[in-house]
Amino acid sequence: LIADEPTTALDVTIQAQIMELLARLQEEFEMAIL
């Protein structure tokens, strides 16, 4: 998964949620992330 500025224009709380989501999905799907 290539994530290009995935939290741009989001407030700090939502940014944290998006990054936590990506971490959880990475573990679940065993995928690499750029």
Full PDB file with SEQRES, HELIX, SHEET, SSBOND, CRYST1, ORIGX, SCALE, CONECT and MASTER records, all heavy atoms in Angstrom:
SEQRES   1 A   34  LEU ILE ALA ASP GLU PRO THR THR ALA LEU ASP VAL THR          
SEQRES   2 A   34  ILE GLN ALA GLN ILE MET GLU LEU LEU ALA ARG LEU GLN          
SEQRES   3 A   34  GLU GLU PHE GLU MET ALA ILE LEU                              
HELIX    1 AA1 VAL A   12  PHE A   29  1                                  18    
CRYST1    1.000    1.000    1.000  90.00  90.00  90.00 P 1           1          
ORIGX1      1.000000  0.000000  0.000000        0.00000                         
ORIGX2      0.000000  1.000000  0.000000        0.00000                         
ORIGX3      0.000000  0.000000  1.000000        0.00000                         
SCALE1      1.000000  0.000000  0.000000        0.00000                         
SCALE2      0.000000  1.000000  0.000000        0.00000                         
SCALE3      0.000000  0.000000  1.000000        0.00000                         
ATOM      1  N   LEU A   1       0.849  -1.182   0.000  1.00  0.00           N  
ATOM      2  CA  LEU A   1       0.000   0.000   0.000  1.00  0.00           C  
ATOM      3  C   LEU A   1       0.885   1.232   0.000  1.00  0.00           C  
ATOM      4  O   LEU A   1       1.757   1.380   0.862  1.00  0.00           O  
ATOM      5  CB  LEU A   1      -0.904   0.017   1.233  1.00  0.00           C  
ATOM      6  CG  LEU A   1      -1.784   1.272   1.388  1.00  0.00           C  
ATOM      7  CD1 LEU A   1      -2.848   1.316   0.298  1.00  0.00           C  
ATOM      8  CD2 LEU A   1      -2.427   1.323   2.772  1.00  0.00           C  
ATOM      9  N   ILE A   2       0.680   2.114  -0.977  1.00  0.00           N  
ATOM     10  CA  ILE A   2       1.378   3.398  -1.021  1.00  0.00           C  
ATOM     11  C   ILE A   2       0.416   4.443  -0.465  1.00  0.00           C  
ATOM     12  O   ILE A   2      -0.644   4.686  -1.043  1.00  0.00           O  
ATOM     13  CB  ILE A   2       1.811   3.765  -2.448  1.00  0.00           C  
ATOM     14  CG1 ILE A   2       2.750   2.693  -3.016  1.00  0.00           C  
ATOM     15  CG2 ILE A   2       2.485   5.130  -2.465  1.00  0.00           C  
ATOM     16  CD1 ILE A   2       3.116   2.915  -4.473  1.00  0.00           C  
ATOM     17  N   ALA A   3       0.777   5.041   0.666  1.00  0.00           N  
ATOM     18  CA  ALA A   3      -0.075   6.038   1.306  1.00  0.00           C  
ATOM     19  C   ALA A   3       0.598   7.406   1.180  1.00  0.00           C  
ATOM     20  O   ALA A   3       1.589   7.680   1.856  1.00  0.00           O  
ATOM     21  CB  ALA A   3      -0.297   5.684   2.781  1.00  0.00           C  
ATOM     22  N   ASP A   4       0.075   8.232   0.283  1.00  0.00           N  
ATOM     23  CA  ASP A   4       0.662   9.540   0.001  1.00  0.00           C  
ATOM     24  C   ASP A   4      -0.031  10.600   0.849  1.00  0.00           C  
ATOM     25  O   ASP A   4      -1.159  11.003   0.558  1.00  0.00           O  
ATOM     26  CB  ASP A   4       0.528   9.859  -1.492  1.00  0.00           C  
ATOM     27  CG  ASP A   4       1.289  11.115  -1.895  1.00  0.00           C  
ATOM     28  OD1 ASP A   4       1.905  11.748  -1.012  1.00  0.00           O  
ATOM     29  OD2 ASP A   4       1.278  11.460  -3.083  1.00  0.00           O  
ATOM     30  N   GLU A   5       0.643  11.049   1.899  1.00  0.00           N  
ATOM     31  CA  GLU A   5       0.086  12.045   2.823  1.00  0.00           C  
ATOM     32  C   GLU A   5      -1.341  11.660   3.245  1.00  0.00           C  
ATOM     33  O   GLU A   5      -2.288  12.422   3.040  1.00  0.00           O  
ATOM     34  CB  GLU A   5       0.080  13.434   2.171  1.00  0.00           C  
ATOM     35  CG  GLU A   5       1.435  13.929   1.702  1.00  0.00           C  
ATOM     36  CD  GLU A   5       2.270  14.506   2.842  1.00  0.00           C  
ATOM     37  OE1 GLU A   5       1.856  14.399   4.014  1.00  0.00           O  
ATOM     38  OE2 GLU A   5       3.350  15.056   2.563  1.00  0.00           O  
ATOM     39  N   PRO A   6      -1.533  10.482   3.842  1.00  0.00           N  
ATOM     40  CA  PRO A   6      -2.889  10.011   4.131  1.00  0.00           C  
ATOM     41  C   PRO A   6      -3.629  10.813   5.188  1.00  0.00           C  
ATOM     42  O   PRO A   6      -4.843  10.655   5.334  1.00  0.00           O  
ATOM     43  CB  PRO A   6      -2.660   8.566   4.614  1.00  0.00           C  
ATOM     44  CG  PRO A   6      -1.291   8.586   5.195  1.00  0.00           C  
ATOM     45  CD  PRO A   6      -0.505   9.532   4.320  1.00  0.00           C  
ATOM     46  N   THR A   7      -2.926  11.680   5.931  1.00  0.00           N  
ATOM     47  CA  THR A   7      -3.591  12.453   6.988  1.00  0.00           C  
ATOM     48  C   THR A   7      -3.629  13.947   6.696  1.00  0.00           C  
ATOM     49  O   THR A   7      -3.997  14.735   7.560  1.00  0.00           O  
ATOM     50  CB  THR A   7      -2.882  12.228   8.337  1.00  0.00           C  
ATOM     51  OG1 THR A   7      -1.508  12.608   8.229  1.00  0.00           O  
ATOM     52  CG2 THR A   7      -2.956  10.762   8.750  1.00  0.00           C  
ATOM     53  N   THR A   8      -3.270  14.341   5.468  1.00  0.00           N  
ATOM     54  CA  THR A   8      -3.297  15.763   5.110  1.00  0.00           C  
ATOM     55  C   THR A   8      -4.716  16.312   5.202  1.00  0.00           C  
ATOM     56  O   THR A   8      -5.677  15.668   4.796  1.00  0.00           O  
ATOM     57  CB  THR A   8      -2.761  15.960   3.682  1.00  0.00           C  
ATOM     58  OG1 THR A   8      -1.390  15.583   3.651  1.00  0.00           O  
ATOM     59  CG2 THR A   8      -2.878  17.413   3.247  1.00  0.00           C  
ATOM     60  N   ALA A   9      -4.849  17.526   5.741  1.00  0.00           N  
ATOM     61  CA  ALA A   9      -6.127  18.248   5.838  1.00  0.00           C  
ATOM     62  C   ALA A   9      -7.094  17.636   6.841  1.00  0.00           C  
ATOM     63  O   ALA A   9      -8.262  18.020   6.887  1.00  0.00           O  
ATOM     64  CB  ALA A   9      -6.801  18.355   4.462  1.00  0.00           C  
ATOM     65  N   LEU A  10      -6.623  16.690   7.657  1.00  0.00           N  
ATOM     66  CA  LEU A  10      -7.469  16.120   8.703  1.00  0.00           C  
ATOM     67  C   LEU A  10      -7.025  16.674  10.051  1.00  0.00           C  
ATOM     68  O   LEU A  10      -5.848  16.959  10.258  1.00  0.00           O  
ATOM     69  CB  LEU A  10      -7.353  14.592   8.710  1.00  0.00           C  
ATOM     70  CG  LEU A  10      -7.755  13.867   7.416  1.00  0.00           C  
ATOM     71  CD1 LEU A  10      -7.503  12.374   7.567  1.00  0.00           C  
ATOM     72  CD2 LEU A  10      -9.212  14.138   7.066  1.00  0.00           C  
ATOM     73  N   ASP A  11      -7.980  16.820  10.991  1.00  0.00           N  
ATOM     74  CA  ASP A  11      -7.581  17.319  12.305  1.00  0.00           C  
ATOM     75  C   ASP A  11      -6.790  16.253  13.054  1.00  0.00           C  
ATOM     76  O   ASP A  11      -6.753  15.089  12.669  1.00  0.00           O  
ATOM     77  CB  ASP A  11      -8.787  17.801  13.112  1.00  0.00           C  
ATOM     78  CG  ASP A  11      -9.760  16.683  13.458  1.00  0.00           C  
ATOM     79  OD1 ASP A  11      -9.319  15.656  14.015  1.00  0.00           O  
ATOM     80  OD2 ASP A  11     -10.964  16.839  13.184  1.00  0.00           O  
ATOM     81  N   VAL A  12      -6.138  16.661  14.130  1.00  0.00           N  
ATOM     82  CA  VAL A  12      -5.175  15.798  14.810  1.00  0.00           C  
ATOM     83  C   VAL A  12      -5.809  14.503  15.297  1.00  0.00           C  
ATOM     84  O   VAL A  12      -5.215  13.424  15.181  1.00  0.00           O  
ATOM     85  CB  VAL A  12      -4.527  16.561  15.992  1.00  0.00           C  
ATOM     86  CG1 VAL A  12      -3.604  15.639  16.773  1.00  0.00           C  
ATOM     87  CG2 VAL A  12      -3.752  17.770  15.481  1.00  0.00           C  
ATOM     88  N   THR A  13      -7.017  14.579  15.831  1.00  0.00           N  
ATOM     89  CA  THR A  13      -7.686  13.380  16.340  1.00  0.00           C  
ATOM     90  C   THR A  13      -7.946  12.391  15.218  1.00  0.00           C  
ATOM     91  O   THR A  13      -7.691  11.182  15.361  1.00  0.00           O  
ATOM     92  CB  THR A  13      -9.015  13.757  17.018  1.00  0.00           C  
ATOM     93  OG1 THR A  13      -8.755  14.680  18.076  1.00  0.00           O  
ATOM     94  CG2 THR A  13      -9.697  12.521  17.585  1.00  0.00           C  
ATOM     95  N   ILE A  14      -8.437  12.882  14.085  1.00  0.00           N  
ATOM     96  CA  ILE A  14      -8.732  12.003  12.946  1.00  0.00           C  
ATOM     97  C   ILE A  14      -7.434  11.451  12.362  1.00  0.00           C  
ATOM     98  O   ILE A  14      -7.365  10.291  11.941  1.00  0.00           O  
ATOM     99  CB  ILE A  14      -9.543  12.752  11.866  1.00  0.00           C  
ATOM    100  CG1 ILE A  14     -10.842  13.292  12.459  1.00  0.00           C  
ATOM    101  CG2 ILE A  14      -9.839  11.830  10.697  1.00  0.00           C  
ATOM    102  CD1 ILE A  14     -11.753  12.221  13.042  1.00  0.00           C  
ATOM    103  N   GLN A  15      -6.374  12.272  12.339  1.00  0.00           N  
ATOM    104  CA  GLN A  15      -5.067  11.793  11.871  1.00  0.00           C  
ATOM    105  C   GLN A  15      -4.629  10.564  12.657  1.00  0.00           C  
ATOM    106  O   GLN A  15      -4.207   9.557  12.090  1.00  0.00           O  
ATOM    107  CB  GLN A  15      -4.009  12.888  12.034  1.00  0.00           C  
ATOM    108  CG  GLN A  15      -4.090  14.008  11.012  1.00  0.00           C  
ATOM    109  CD  GLN A  15      -2.969  15.007  11.196  1.00  0.00           C  
ATOM    110  OE1 GLN A  15      -1.941  14.702  11.765  1.00  0.00           O  
ATOM    111  NE2 GLN A  15      -3.172  16.221  10.701  1.00  0.00           N  
ATOM    112  N   ALA A  16      -4.741  10.651  13.980  1.00  0.00           N  
ATOM    113  CA  ALA A  16      -4.339   9.530  14.833  1.00  0.00           C  
ATOM    114  C   ALA A  16      -5.180   8.302  14.544  1.00  0.00           C  
ATOM    115  O   ALA A  16      -4.672   7.175  14.490  1.00  0.00           O  
ATOM    116  CB  ALA A  16      -4.456   9.932  16.304  1.00  0.00           C  
ATOM    117  N   GLN A  17      -6.472   8.495  14.323  1.00  0.00           N  
ATOM    118  CA  GLN A  17      -7.363   7.370  14.031  1.00  0.00           C  
ATOM    119  C   GLN A  17      -6.997   6.699  12.712  1.00  0.00           C  
ATOM    120  O   GLN A  17      -7.012   5.466  12.602  1.00  0.00           O  
ATOM    121  CB  GLN A  17      -8.821   7.844  13.995  1.00  0.00           C  
ATOM    122  CG  GLN A  17      -9.361   8.288  15.341  1.00  0.00           C  
ATOM    123  CD  GLN A  17     -10.774   8.836  15.238  1.00  0.00           C  
ATOM    124  OE1 GLN A  17     -11.368   8.871  14.157  1.00  0.00           O  
ATOM    125  NE2 GLN A  17     -11.314   9.295  16.356  1.00  0.00           N  
ATOM    126  N   ILE A  18      -6.670   7.516  11.702  1.00  0.00           N  
ATOM    127  CA  ILE A  18      -6.305   6.962  10.390  1.00  0.00           C  
ATOM    128  C   ILE A  18      -5.014   6.158  10.490  1.00  0.00           C  
ATOM    129  O   ILE A  18      -4.891   5.057   9.931  1.00  0.00           O  
ATOM    130  CB  ILE A  18      -6.166   8.089   9.346  1.00  0.00           C  
ATOM    131  CG1 ILE A  18      -7.524   8.744   9.067  1.00  0.00           C  
ATOM    132  CG2 ILE A  18      -5.557   7.544   8.047  1.00  0.00           C  
ATOM    133  CD1 ILE A  18      -8.567   7.815   8.468  1.00  0.00           C  
ATOM    134  N   MET A  19      -4.024   6.678  11.224  1.00  0.00           N  
ATOM    135  CA  MET A  19      -2.759   5.956  11.361  1.00  0.00           C  
ATOM    136  C   MET A  19      -2.941   4.671  12.168  1.00  0.00           C  
ATOM    137  O   MET A  19      -2.327   3.639  11.855  1.00  0.00           O  
ATOM    138  CB  MET A  19      -1.696   6.847  12.006  1.00  0.00           C  
ATOM    139  CG  MET A  19      -1.285   8.044  11.151  1.00  0.00           C  
ATOM    140  SD  MET A  19      -0.902   7.641   9.431  1.00  0.00           S  
ATOM    141  CE  MET A  19       0.428   6.452   9.623  1.00  0.00           C  
ATOM    142  N   GLU A  20      -3.772   4.703  13.193  1.00  0.00           N  
ATOM    143  CA  GLU A  20      -4.073   3.483  13.954  1.00  0.00           C  
ATOM    144  C   GLU A  20      -4.777   2.467  13.070  1.00  0.00           C  
ATOM    145  O   GLU A  20      -4.522   1.255  13.151  1.00  0.00           O  
ATOM    146  CB  GLU A  20      -4.936   3.830  15.166  1.00  0.00           C  
ATOM    147  CG  GLU A  20      -4.198   4.578  16.256  1.00  0.00           C  
ATOM    148  CD  GLU A  20      -5.115   5.049  17.369  1.00  0.00           C  
ATOM    149  OE1 GLU A  20      -6.314   4.680  17.339  1.00  0.00           O  
ATOM    150  OE2 GLU A  20      -4.652   5.780  18.260  1.00  0.00           O  
ATOM    151  N   LEU A  21      -5.679   2.959  12.212  1.00  0.00           N  
ATOM    152  CA  LEU A  21      -6.387   2.078  11.281  1.00  0.00           C  
ATOM    153  C   LEU A  21      -5.412   1.404  10.326  1.00  0.00           C  
ATOM    154  O   LEU A  21      -5.476   0.184  10.108  1.00  0.00           O  
ATOM    155  CB  LEU A  21      -7.427   2.888  10.498  1.00  0.00           C  
ATOM    156  CG  LEU A  21      -8.110   2.176   9.323  1.00  0.00           C  
ATOM    157  CD1 LEU A  21      -8.932   0.991   9.827  1.00  0.00           C  
ATOM    158  CD2 LEU A  21      -8.984   3.150   8.540  1.00  0.00           C  
ATOM    159  N   LEU A  22      -4.482   2.179   9.757  1.00  0.00           N  
ATOM    160  CA  LEU A  22      -3.505   1.608   8.827  1.00  0.00           C  
ATOM    161  C   LEU A  22      -2.639   0.561   9.520  1.00  0.00           C  
ATOM    162  O   LEU A  22      -2.339  -0.494   8.938  1.00  0.00           O  
ATOM    163  CB  LEU A  22      -2.624   2.708   8.242  1.00  0.00           C  
ATOM    164  CG  LEU A  22      -3.276   3.615   7.189  1.00  0.00           C  
ATOM    165  CD1 LEU A  22      -2.321   4.730   6.775  1.00  0.00           C  
ATOM    166  CD2 LEU A  22      -3.710   2.819   5.972  1.00  0.00           C  
ATOM    167  N   ALA A  23      -2.237   0.829  10.771  1.00  0.00           N  
ATOM    168  CA  ALA A  23      -1.418  -0.128  11.514  1.00  0.00           C  
ATOM    169  C   ALA A  23      -2.182  -1.417  11.755  1.00  0.00           C  
ATOM    170  O   ALA A  23      -1.625  -2.525  11.615  1.00  0.00           O  
ATOM    171  CB  ALA A  23      -0.966   0.489  12.835  1.00  0.00           C  
ATOM    172  N   ARG A  24      -3.458  -1.301  12.107  1.00  0.00           N  
ATOM    173  CA  ARG A  24      -4.268  -2.499  12.352  1.00  0.00           C  
ATOM    174  C   ARG A  24      -4.478  -3.303  11.073  1.00  0.00           C  
ATOM    175  O   ARG A  24      -4.355  -4.533  11.065  1.00  0.00           O  
ATOM    176  CB  ARG A  24      -5.625  -2.086  12.947  1.00  0.00           C  
ATOM    177  CG  ARG A  24      -6.582  -3.257  13.175  1.00  0.00           C  
ATOM    178  CD  ARG A  24      -7.811  -2.811  13.934  1.00  0.00           C  
ATOM    179  NE  ARG A  24      -8.585  -1.813  13.242  1.00  0.00           N  
ATOM    180  CZ  ARG A  24      -9.479  -2.090  12.279  1.00  0.00           C  
ATOM    181  NH1 ARG A  24      -9.662  -3.346  11.885  1.00  0.00           N  
ATOM    182  NH2 ARG A  24     -10.165  -1.128  11.707  1.00  0.00           N  
ATOM    183  N   LEU A  25      -4.774  -2.606   9.996  1.00  0.00           N  
ATOM    184  CA  LEU A  25      -5.007  -3.294   8.729  1.00  0.00           C  
ATOM    185  C   LEU A  25      -3.718  -3.913   8.184  1.00  0.00           C  
ATOM    186  O   LEU A  25      -3.752  -4.974   7.562  1.00  0.00           O  
ATOM    187  CB  LEU A  25      -5.603  -2.324   7.706  1.00  0.00           C  
ATOM    188  CG  LEU A  25      -7.001  -1.785   8.042  1.00  0.00           C  
ATOM    189  CD1 LEU A  25      -7.433  -0.745   7.021  1.00  0.00           C  
ATOM    190  CD2 LEU A  25      -8.021  -2.914   8.105  1.00  0.00           C  
ATOM    191  N   GLN A  26      -2.584  -3.247   8.421  1.00  0.00           N  
ATOM    192  CA  GLN A  26      -1.308  -3.809   7.985  1.00  0.00           C  
ATOM    193  C   GLN A  26      -1.062  -5.152   8.662  1.00  0.00           C  
ATOM    194  O   GLN A  26      -0.643  -6.124   8.023  1.00  0.00           O  
ATOM    195  CB  GLN A  26      -0.163  -2.854   8.302  1.00  0.00           C  
ATOM    196  CG  GLN A  26       1.211  -3.399   7.893  1.00  0.00           C  
ATOM    197  CD  GLN A  26       2.341  -2.439   8.198  1.00  0.00           C  
ATOM    198  OE1 GLN A  26       2.266  -1.671   9.173  1.00  0.00           O  
ATOM    199  NE2 GLN A  26       3.375  -2.451   7.386  1.00  0.00           N  
ATOM    200  N   GLU A  27      -1.327  -5.201   9.959  1.00  0.00           N  
ATOM    201  CA  GLU A  27      -1.137  -6.450  10.695  1.00  0.00           C  
ATOM    202  C   GLU A  27      -2.115  -7.524  10.227  1.00  0.00           C  
ATOM    203  O   GLU A  27      -1.753  -8.689  10.067  1.00  0.00           O  
ATOM    204  CB  GLU A  27      -1.311  -6.199  12.193  1.00  0.00           C  
ATOM    205  CG  GLU A  27      -1.035  -7.415  13.055  1.00  0.00           C  
ATOM    206  CD  GLU A  27      -1.098  -7.101  14.532  1.00  0.00           C  
ATOM    207  OE1 GLU A  27      -1.203  -5.898  14.898  1.00  0.00           O  
ATOM    208  OE2 GLU A  27      -1.043  -8.042  15.335  1.00  0.00           O  
ATOM    209  N   GLU A  28      -3.341  -7.103   9.952  1.00  0.00           N  
ATOM    210  CA  GLU A  28      -4.366  -8.061   9.538  1.00  0.00           C  
ATOM    211  C   GLU A  28      -4.108  -8.610   8.143  1.00  0.00           C  
ATOM    212  O   GLU A  28      -4.285  -9.802   7.886  1.00  0.00           O  
ATOM    213  CB  GLU A  28      -5.743  -7.388   9.602  1.00  0.00           C  
ATOM    214  CG  GLU A  28      -6.907  -8.333   9.351  1.00  0.00           C  
ATOM    215  CD  GLU A  28      -8.240  -7.721   9.750  1.00  0.00           C  
ATOM    216  OE1 GLU A  28      -8.264  -6.795  10.599  1.00  0.00           O  
ATOM    217  OE2 GLU A  28      -9.262  -8.169   9.207  1.00  0.00           O  
ATOM    218  N   PHE A  29      -3.673  -7.730   7.225  1.00  0.00           N  
ATOM    219  CA  PHE A  29      -3.464  -8.139   5.833  1.00  0.00           C  
ATOM    220  C   PHE A  29      -2.017  -8.558   5.555  1.00  0.00           C  
ATOM    221  O   PHE A  29      -1.720  -9.033   4.467  1.00  0.00           O  
ATOM    222  CB  PHE A  29      -3.839  -6.995   4.887  1.00  0.00           C  
ATOM    223  CG  PHE A  29      -5.320  -6.794   4.718  1.00  0.00           C  
ATOM    224  CD1 PHE A  29      -6.029  -6.000   5.607  1.00  0.00           C  
ATOM    225  CD2 PHE A  29      -6.009  -7.398   3.680  1.00  0.00           C  
ATOM    226  CE1 PHE A  29      -7.390  -5.802   5.465  1.00  0.00           C  
ATOM    227  CE2 PHE A  29      -7.368  -7.206   3.522  1.00  0.00           C  
ATOM    228  CZ  PHE A  29      -8.073  -6.410   4.422  1.00  0.00           C  
ATOM    229  N   GLU A  30      -1.112  -8.320   6.532  1.00  0.00           N  
ATOM    230  CA  GLU A  30       0.314  -8.621   6.376  1.00  0.00           C  
ATOM    231  C   GLU A  30       0.895  -7.938   5.132  1.00  0.00           C  
ATOM    232  O   GLU A  30       1.629  -8.542   4.351  1.00  0.00           O  
ATOM    233  CB  GLU A  30       0.551 -10.133   6.309  1.00  0.00           C  
ATOM    234  CG  GLU A  30       0.154 -10.861   7.588  1.00  0.00           C  
ATOM    235  CD  GLU A  30       0.471 -12.342   7.524  1.00  0.00           C  
ATOM    236  OE1 GLU A  30       0.590 -12.889   6.404  1.00  0.00           O  
ATOM    237  OE2 GLU A  30       0.599 -12.958   8.592  1.00  0.00           O  
ATOM    238  N   MET A  31       0.546  -6.676   4.953  1.00  0.00           N  
ATOM    239  CA  MET A  31       1.010  -5.940   3.778  1.00  0.00           C  
ATOM    240  C   MET A  31       2.124  -4.979   4.162  1.00  0.00           C  
ATOM    241  O   MET A  31       2.316  -4.632   5.325  1.00  0.00           O  
ATOM    242  CB  MET A  31      -0.146  -5.156   3.144  1.00  0.00           C  
ATOM    243  CG  MET A  31      -0.698  -4.065   4.015  1.00  0.00           C  
ATOM    244  SD  MET A  31      -2.103  -3.212   3.251  1.00  0.00           S  
ATOM    245  CE  MET A  31      -2.539  -2.090   4.586  1.00  0.00           C  
ATOM    246  N   ALA A  32       2.878  -4.558   3.154  1.00  0.00           N  
ATOM    247  CA  ALA A  32       3.901  -3.538   3.332  1.00  0.00           C  
ATOM    248  C   ALA A  32       3.285  -2.171   3.037  1.00  0.00           C  
ATOM    249  O   ALA A  32       2.306  -2.077   2.289  1.00  0.00           O  
ATOM    250  CB  ALA A  32       5.074  -3.792   2.398  1.00  0.00           C  
ATOM    251  N   ILE A  33       3.853  -1.128   3.629  1.00  0.00           N  
ATOM    252  CA  ILE A  33       3.352   0.233   3.416  1.00  0.00           C  
ATOM    253  C   ILE A  33       4.511   1.163   3.076  1.00  0.00           C  
ATOM    254  O   ILE A  33       5.545   1.163   3.763  1.00  0.00           O  
ATOM    255  CB  ILE A  33       2.616   0.774   4.657  1.00  0.00           C  
ATOM    256  CG1 ILE A  33       1.364  -0.060   4.955  1.00  0.00           C  
ATOM    257  CG2 ILE A  33       2.232   2.239   4.454  1.00  0.00           C  
ATOM    258  CD1 ILE A  33       0.613   0.397   6.200  1.00  0.00           C  
ATOM    259  N   LEU A  34       4.344   1.933   2.010  1.00  0.00           N  
ATOM    260  CA  LEU A  34       5.232   3.057   1.711  1.00  0.00           C  
ATOM    261  C   LEU A  34       4.487   4.304   2.155  1.00  0.00           C  
ATOM    262  O   LEU A  34       3.507   4.704   1.530  1.00  0.00           O  
ATOM    263  CB  LEU A  34       5.568   3.130   0.217  1.00  0.00           C  
ATOM    264  CG  LEU A  34       6.362   4.361  -0.239  1.00  0.00           C  
ATOM    265  CD1 LEU A  34       7.693   4.456   0.483  1.00  0.00           C  
ATOM    266  CD2 LEU A  34       6.575   4.347  -1.743  1.00  0.00           C  
TER     267      LEU A  34                                                      
MASTER        0    0    0    1    0    0    0    6  266    1    0    3          
END                                                                             
